[in-house]
Amino acid sequence: MQTFFSRLRDRTRWSWQGLVKTYADEHSFRSWIWLNLVSVILVLVLPVSPSLRALILVLGILVLVAELFNTAIERAVDHTSLDHHPLAGQAKDAASAAVALTAIAAGVAWIVAVVGLL
C-alpha cells in the first residue's frame, strides 16, 4: 500500500509540473485556461440544465487535454529534429486539428445552451 501512495504522490507531482510548465511556456494553453475560467463562471450562473452544464464543463477540460497533447507532440517533434520534414509538419498539424475540433465541440455545446436560453 505504501508503494501505491508514493507512486500516486509522484504522478500527481509530475502532472502538476506539466501543467505549470505548459502554462508558463505556452500562450495558447494560457488562453484556453482563461477562456475556460470565463466559461465555468458563465455556465454556473446561467440557468442551463445540469446535463448541459456538465457537458460544457467536460468539453472545456477536454480542450485543455487536447492542447496538452498538442504541446507534447510539438515538443517531441522539435526535440527529435529542427529540420523541416513533411511528417513532422503533419504530426503537428494533426495535433493542432485535434485542439480545433475539441474547441468546436465545446462551441457547439455553448450554442445549444444559448439557443435554449432564448
N, C-alpha and C. Protein backbone atom coordinates (compact mmCIF):
# COMPACT_ATOMS: atom_id res chain seq x y z
N MET A 1 0.82 -1.19 0.00
CA MET A 1 0.00 0.00 0.00
C MET A 1 0.87 1.26 0.00
N GLN A 2 2.00 1.18 0.67
CA GLN A 2 2.93 2.31 0.71
C GLN A 2 3.38 2.67 -0.70
N THR A 3 3.66 1.66 -1.51
CA THR A 3 4.12 1.91 -2.88
C THR A 3 3.03 2.61 -3.68
N PHE A 4 1.79 2.21 -3.51
CA PHE A 4 0.69 2.83 -4.24
C PHE A 4 0.64 4.33 -3.94
N PHE A 5 0.69 4.69 -2.67
CA PHE A 5 0.58 6.10 -2.32
C PHE A 5 1.82 6.90 -2.71
N SER A 6 2.99 6.29 -2.65
CA SER A 6 4.20 7.01 -3.08
C SER A 6 4.17 7.22 -4.59
N ARG A 7 3.71 6.24 -5.33
CA ARG A 7 3.58 6.40 -6.79
C ARG A 7 2.51 7.43 -7.13
N LEU A 8 1.41 7.40 -6.42
CA LEU A 8 0.35 8.38 -6.64
C LEU A 8 0.87 9.80 -6.37
N ARG A 9 1.63 9.95 -5.30
CA ARG A 9 2.23 11.25 -4.98
C ARG A 9 3.15 11.71 -6.10
N ASP A 10 4.01 10.81 -6.59
CA ASP A 10 4.93 11.15 -7.68
C ASP A 10 4.18 11.53 -8.94
N ARG A 11 3.18 10.74 -9.31
CA ARG A 11 2.41 11.02 -10.53
C ARG A 11 1.67 12.36 -10.42
N THR A 12 1.15 12.63 -9.24
CA THR A 12 0.46 13.90 -9.03
C THR A 12 1.44 15.06 -9.17
N ARG A 13 2.63 14.92 -8.59
CA ARG A 13 3.65 15.97 -8.68
C ARG A 13 4.07 16.19 -10.13
N TRP A 14 4.29 15.11 -10.88
CA TRP A 14 4.71 15.23 -12.28
C TRP A 14 3.61 15.87 -13.13
N SER A 15 2.38 15.49 -12.87
CA SER A 15 1.26 16.09 -13.60
C SER A 15 1.18 17.58 -13.32
N TRP A 16 1.31 17.95 -12.06
CA TRP A 16 1.24 19.36 -11.70
C TRP A 16 2.39 20.13 -12.36
N GLN A 17 3.58 19.53 -12.36
CA GLN A 17 4.72 20.17 -13.01
C GLN A 17 4.44 20.38 -14.50
N GLY A 18 3.83 19.41 -15.15
CA GLY A 18 3.49 19.54 -16.56
C GLY A 18 2.50 20.66 -16.80
N LEU A 19 1.50 20.78 -15.94
CA LEU A 19 0.53 21.86 -16.07
C LEU A 19 1.19 23.23 -15.87
N VAL A 20 2.00 23.34 -14.83
CA VAL A 20 2.63 24.63 -14.52
C VAL A 20 3.60 25.03 -15.63
N LYS A 21 4.41 24.09 -16.10
CA LYS A 21 5.38 24.39 -17.15
C LYS A 21 4.69 24.75 -18.46
N THR A 22 3.64 24.02 -18.80
CA THR A 22 2.91 24.34 -20.03
C THR A 22 2.23 25.69 -19.92
N TYR A 23 1.66 26.00 -18.77
CA TYR A 23 1.04 27.31 -18.56
C TYR A 23 2.09 28.41 -18.72
N ALA A 24 3.28 28.20 -18.19
CA ALA A 24 4.33 29.21 -18.25
C ALA A 24 4.86 29.41 -19.66
N ASP A 25 4.92 28.34 -20.44
CA ASP A 25 5.60 28.38 -21.75
C ASP A 25 4.68 28.52 -22.95
N GLU A 26 3.42 28.17 -22.82
CA GLU A 26 2.54 28.10 -23.99
C GLU A 26 1.40 29.12 -23.91
N HIS A 27 1.48 30.11 -24.77
CA HIS A 27 0.45 31.15 -24.81
C HIS A 27 -0.94 30.56 -25.08
N SER A 28 -1.01 29.62 -26.02
CA SER A 28 -2.32 29.06 -26.36
C SER A 28 -2.94 28.31 -25.17
N PHE A 29 -2.12 27.62 -24.39
CA PHE A 29 -2.65 26.93 -23.21
C PHE A 29 -3.18 27.95 -22.20
N ARG A 30 -2.42 29.03 -21.99
CA ARG A 30 -2.90 30.07 -21.08
C ARG A 30 -4.21 30.66 -21.57
N SER A 31 -4.32 30.88 -22.86
CA SER A 31 -5.55 31.43 -23.42
C SER A 31 -6.72 30.50 -23.16
N TRP A 32 -6.53 29.21 -23.37
CA TRP A 32 -7.61 28.25 -23.12
C TRP A 32 -7.96 28.19 -21.64
N ILE A 33 -6.97 28.31 -20.77
CA ILE A 33 -7.25 28.32 -19.33
C ILE A 33 -8.18 29.49 -18.98
N TRP A 34 -7.84 30.68 -19.46
CA TRP A 34 -8.63 31.86 -19.14
C TRP A 34 -10.01 31.79 -19.78
N LEU A 35 -10.08 31.29 -21.01
CA LEU A 35 -11.38 31.13 -21.65
C LEU A 35 -12.24 30.12 -20.89
N ASN A 36 -11.61 29.07 -20.40
CA ASN A 36 -12.33 28.08 -19.60
C ASN A 36 -12.82 28.68 -18.28
N LEU A 37 -12.03 29.54 -17.70
CA LEU A 37 -12.46 30.19 -16.46
C LEU A 37 -13.72 31.01 -16.70
N VAL A 38 -13.74 31.77 -17.78
CA VAL A 38 -14.94 32.54 -18.14
C VAL A 38 -16.11 31.59 -18.40
N SER A 39 -15.85 30.50 -19.11
CA SER A 39 -16.89 29.53 -19.42
C SER A 39 -17.47 28.91 -18.15
N VAL A 40 -16.60 28.56 -17.22
CA VAL A 40 -17.06 27.96 -15.96
C VAL A 40 -17.96 28.95 -15.20
N ILE A 41 -17.53 30.18 -15.11
CA ILE A 41 -18.33 31.18 -14.40
C ILE A 41 -19.70 31.34 -15.06
N LEU A 42 -19.69 31.48 -16.38
CA LEU A 42 -20.97 31.66 -17.10
C LEU A 42 -21.89 30.45 -16.94
N VAL A 43 -21.34 29.27 -17.10
CA VAL A 43 -22.20 28.07 -17.06
C VAL A 43 -22.73 27.82 -15.65
N LEU A 44 -22.03 28.33 -14.65
CA LEU A 44 -22.52 28.15 -13.28
C LEU A 44 -23.59 29.18 -12.90
N VAL A 45 -23.58 30.33 -13.56
CA VAL A 45 -24.59 31.35 -13.21
C VAL A 45 -25.80 31.34 -14.14
N LEU A 46 -25.65 30.82 -15.34
CA LEU A 46 -26.78 30.78 -16.27
C LEU A 46 -27.71 29.62 -15.94
N PRO A 47 -29.01 29.79 -16.21
CA PRO A 47 -29.97 28.73 -15.90
C PRO A 47 -30.01 27.65 -16.99
N VAL A 48 -28.96 26.84 -17.05
CA VAL A 48 -28.93 25.74 -18.01
C VAL A 48 -29.13 24.43 -17.25
N SER A 49 -29.51 23.40 -17.97
CA SER A 49 -29.76 22.11 -17.32
C SER A 49 -28.46 21.54 -16.76
N PRO A 50 -28.57 20.72 -15.73
CA PRO A 50 -27.36 20.11 -15.16
C PRO A 50 -26.57 19.28 -16.18
N SER A 51 -27.26 18.60 -17.07
CA SER A 51 -26.54 17.79 -18.06
C SER A 51 -25.79 18.66 -19.06
N LEU A 52 -26.39 19.75 -19.49
CA LEU A 52 -25.70 20.67 -20.39
C LEU A 52 -24.55 21.36 -19.68
N ARG A 53 -24.75 21.70 -18.42
CA ARG A 53 -23.68 22.30 -17.62
C ARG A 53 -22.50 21.33 -17.53
N ALA A 54 -22.79 20.07 -17.24
CA ALA A 54 -21.72 19.07 -17.15
C ALA A 54 -21.00 18.91 -18.50
N LEU A 55 -21.77 18.88 -19.59
CA LEU A 55 -21.18 18.73 -20.92
C LEU A 55 -20.22 19.89 -21.22
N ILE A 56 -20.65 21.11 -20.94
CA ILE A 56 -19.80 22.27 -21.21
C ILE A 56 -18.54 22.23 -20.35
N LEU A 57 -18.67 21.87 -19.09
CA LEU A 57 -17.50 21.77 -18.22
C LEU A 57 -16.52 20.69 -18.69
N VAL A 58 -17.06 19.54 -19.05
CA VAL A 58 -16.20 18.44 -19.52
C VAL A 58 -15.51 18.79 -20.83
N LEU A 59 -16.26 19.40 -21.75
CA LEU A 59 -15.65 19.77 -23.03
C LEU A 59 -14.56 20.83 -22.84
N GLY A 60 -14.76 21.73 -21.89
CA GLY A 60 -13.71 22.71 -21.59
C GLY A 60 -12.44 22.03 -21.11
N ILE A 61 -12.59 21.03 -20.26
CA ILE A 61 -11.42 20.27 -19.79
C ILE A 61 -10.79 19.52 -20.95
N LEU A 62 -11.60 18.96 -21.84
CA LEU A 62 -11.05 18.22 -22.98
C LEU A 62 -10.28 19.13 -23.94
N VAL A 63 -10.69 20.38 -24.07
CA VAL A 63 -9.90 21.33 -24.87
C VAL A 63 -8.51 21.47 -24.26
N LEU A 64 -8.44 21.58 -22.94
CA LEU A 64 -7.15 21.68 -22.26
C LEU A 64 -6.32 20.42 -22.46
N VAL A 65 -6.97 19.27 -22.38
CA VAL A 65 -6.27 17.99 -22.61
C VAL A 65 -5.70 17.94 -24.02
N ALA A 66 -6.52 18.33 -25.00
CA ALA A 66 -6.05 18.33 -26.39
C ALA A 66 -4.87 19.28 -26.55
N GLU A 67 -4.93 20.44 -25.91
CA GLU A 67 -3.82 21.40 -26.00
C GLU A 67 -2.56 20.85 -25.35
N LEU A 68 -2.71 20.13 -24.25
CA LEU A 68 -1.55 19.49 -23.62
C LEU A 68 -0.93 18.44 -24.55
N PHE A 69 -1.76 17.62 -25.20
CA PHE A 69 -1.24 16.65 -26.17
C PHE A 69 -0.56 17.36 -27.33
N ASN A 70 -1.17 18.43 -27.81
CA ASN A 70 -0.59 19.20 -28.90
C ASN A 70 0.80 19.72 -28.51
N THR A 71 0.90 20.27 -27.31
CA THR A 71 2.19 20.77 -26.83
C THR A 71 3.21 19.64 -26.72
N ALA A 72 2.77 18.50 -26.20
CA ALA A 72 3.68 17.36 -26.06
C ALA A 72 4.20 16.90 -27.42
N ILE A 73 3.32 16.81 -28.39
CA ILE A 73 3.73 16.39 -29.73
C ILE A 73 4.67 17.40 -30.35
N GLU A 74 4.35 18.68 -30.23
CA GLU A 74 5.24 19.72 -30.79
C GLU A 74 6.62 19.65 -30.17
N ARG A 75 6.69 19.50 -28.87
CA ARG A 75 8.00 19.44 -28.19
C ARG A 75 8.76 18.19 -28.56
N ALA A 76 8.07 17.06 -28.65
CA ALA A 76 8.76 15.82 -29.03
C ALA A 76 9.30 15.91 -30.44
N VAL A 77 8.51 16.44 -31.36
CA VAL A 77 8.95 16.58 -32.75
C VAL A 77 10.12 17.54 -32.83
N ASP A 78 10.04 18.68 -32.14
CA ASP A 78 11.11 19.66 -32.17
C ASP A 78 12.38 19.13 -31.51
N HIS A 79 12.23 18.29 -30.50
CA HIS A 79 13.39 17.70 -29.84
C HIS A 79 14.09 16.71 -30.78
N THR A 80 13.29 15.99 -31.54
CA THR A 80 13.85 14.98 -32.45
C THR A 80 14.67 15.64 -33.54
N SER A 81 14.14 16.72 -34.12
CA SER A 81 14.86 17.40 -35.19
C SER A 81 14.22 18.76 -35.44
N LEU A 82 15.07 19.74 -35.72
CA LEU A 82 14.56 21.05 -36.07
C LEU A 82 14.45 21.21 -37.58
N ASP A 83 14.87 20.18 -38.32
CA ASP A 83 14.73 20.20 -39.78
C ASP A 83 13.25 20.14 -40.14
N HIS A 84 12.90 20.77 -41.24
CA HIS A 84 11.53 20.72 -41.72
C HIS A 84 11.33 19.41 -42.48
N HIS A 85 10.42 18.60 -41.98
CA HIS A 85 10.11 17.33 -42.61
C HIS A 85 8.59 17.25 -42.75
N PRO A 86 8.11 16.75 -43.89
CA PRO A 86 6.65 16.69 -44.08
C PRO A 86 5.92 15.90 -42.99
N LEU A 87 6.50 14.81 -42.53
CA LEU A 87 5.83 14.01 -41.50
C LEU A 87 5.77 14.76 -40.16
N ALA A 88 6.82 15.50 -39.85
CA ALA A 88 6.82 16.29 -38.62
C ALA A 88 5.72 17.36 -38.69
N GLY A 89 5.62 18.00 -39.84
CA GLY A 89 4.58 19.01 -40.03
C GLY A 89 3.19 18.40 -39.94
N GLN A 90 3.03 17.20 -40.52
CA GLN A 90 1.71 16.54 -40.46
C GLN A 90 1.35 16.17 -39.03
N ALA A 91 2.34 15.72 -38.25
CA ALA A 91 2.07 15.37 -36.84
C ALA A 91 1.64 16.60 -36.06
N LYS A 92 2.35 17.70 -36.26
CA LYS A 92 2.00 18.93 -35.56
C LYS A 92 0.63 19.46 -36.02
N ASP A 93 0.36 19.38 -37.31
CA ASP A 93 -0.92 19.86 -37.83
C ASP A 93 -2.08 19.01 -37.31
N ALA A 94 -1.87 17.69 -37.24
CA ALA A 94 -2.93 16.80 -36.74
C ALA A 94 -3.23 17.10 -35.27
N ALA A 95 -2.19 17.34 -34.48
CA ALA A 95 -2.40 17.67 -33.07
C ALA A 95 -3.13 19.00 -32.93
N SER A 96 -2.77 19.95 -33.76
CA SER A 96 -3.46 21.24 -33.75
C SER A 96 -4.92 21.08 -34.16
N ALA A 97 -5.18 20.23 -35.14
CA ALA A 97 -6.55 19.97 -35.58
C ALA A 97 -7.37 19.33 -34.46
N ALA A 98 -6.74 18.50 -33.66
CA ALA A 98 -7.44 17.88 -32.52
C ALA A 98 -7.90 18.95 -31.54
N VAL A 99 -7.06 19.94 -31.30
CA VAL A 99 -7.46 21.05 -30.43
C VAL A 99 -8.63 21.80 -31.05
N ALA A 100 -8.52 22.08 -32.35
CA ALA A 100 -9.57 22.83 -33.02
C ALA A 100 -10.91 22.09 -32.98
N LEU A 101 -10.89 20.80 -33.25
CA LEU A 101 -12.15 20.04 -33.24
C LEU A 101 -12.75 19.95 -31.84
N THR A 102 -11.91 19.82 -30.85
CA THR A 102 -12.41 19.78 -29.47
C THR A 102 -13.01 21.13 -29.09
N ALA A 103 -12.36 22.21 -29.52
CA ALA A 103 -12.90 23.54 -29.25
C ALA A 103 -14.22 23.76 -29.99
N ILE A 104 -14.32 23.24 -31.21
CA ILE A 104 -15.58 23.35 -31.95
C ILE A 104 -16.70 22.61 -31.20
N ALA A 105 -16.38 21.43 -30.67
CA ALA A 105 -17.38 20.67 -29.90
C ALA A 105 -17.84 21.49 -28.69
N ALA A 106 -16.90 22.13 -28.00
CA ALA A 106 -17.27 22.98 -26.86
C ALA A 106 -18.12 24.16 -27.33
N GLY A 107 -17.77 24.72 -28.47
CA GLY A 107 -18.55 25.82 -29.03
C GLY A 107 -19.97 25.41 -29.38
N VAL A 108 -20.12 24.21 -29.93
CA VAL A 108 -21.45 23.69 -30.25
C VAL A 108 -22.29 23.55 -28.99
N ALA A 109 -21.67 23.05 -27.93
CA ALA A 109 -22.40 22.92 -26.66
C ALA A 109 -22.85 24.29 -26.16
N TRP A 110 -22.00 25.29 -26.31
CA TRP A 110 -22.37 26.64 -25.90
C TRP A 110 -23.49 27.20 -26.77
N ILE A 111 -23.45 26.92 -28.06
CA ILE A 111 -24.53 27.37 -28.95
C ILE A 111 -25.86 26.75 -28.51
N VAL A 112 -25.83 25.47 -28.22
CA VAL A 112 -27.04 24.79 -27.74
C VAL A 112 -27.54 25.45 -26.45
N ALA A 113 -26.62 25.77 -25.57
CA ALA A 113 -27.00 26.39 -24.29
C ALA A 113 -27.63 27.76 -24.52
N VAL A 114 -27.02 28.55 -25.38
CA VAL A 114 -27.53 29.91 -25.62
C VAL A 114 -28.88 29.86 -26.32
N VAL A 115 -29.02 28.99 -27.32
CA VAL A 115 -30.30 28.86 -28.01
C VAL A 115 -31.39 28.41 -27.04
N GLY A 116 -31.03 27.52 -26.13
CA GLY A 116 -32.00 27.07 -25.13
C GLY A 116 -32.45 28.16 -24.18
N LEU A 117 -31.62 29.17 -24.01
CA LEU A 117 -31.98 30.29 -23.13
C LEU A 117 -32.87 31.31 -23.81
N LEU A 118 -32.91 31.28 -25.14
CA LEU A 118 -33.70 32.28 -25.88
C LEU A 118 -35.18 31.93 -25.93
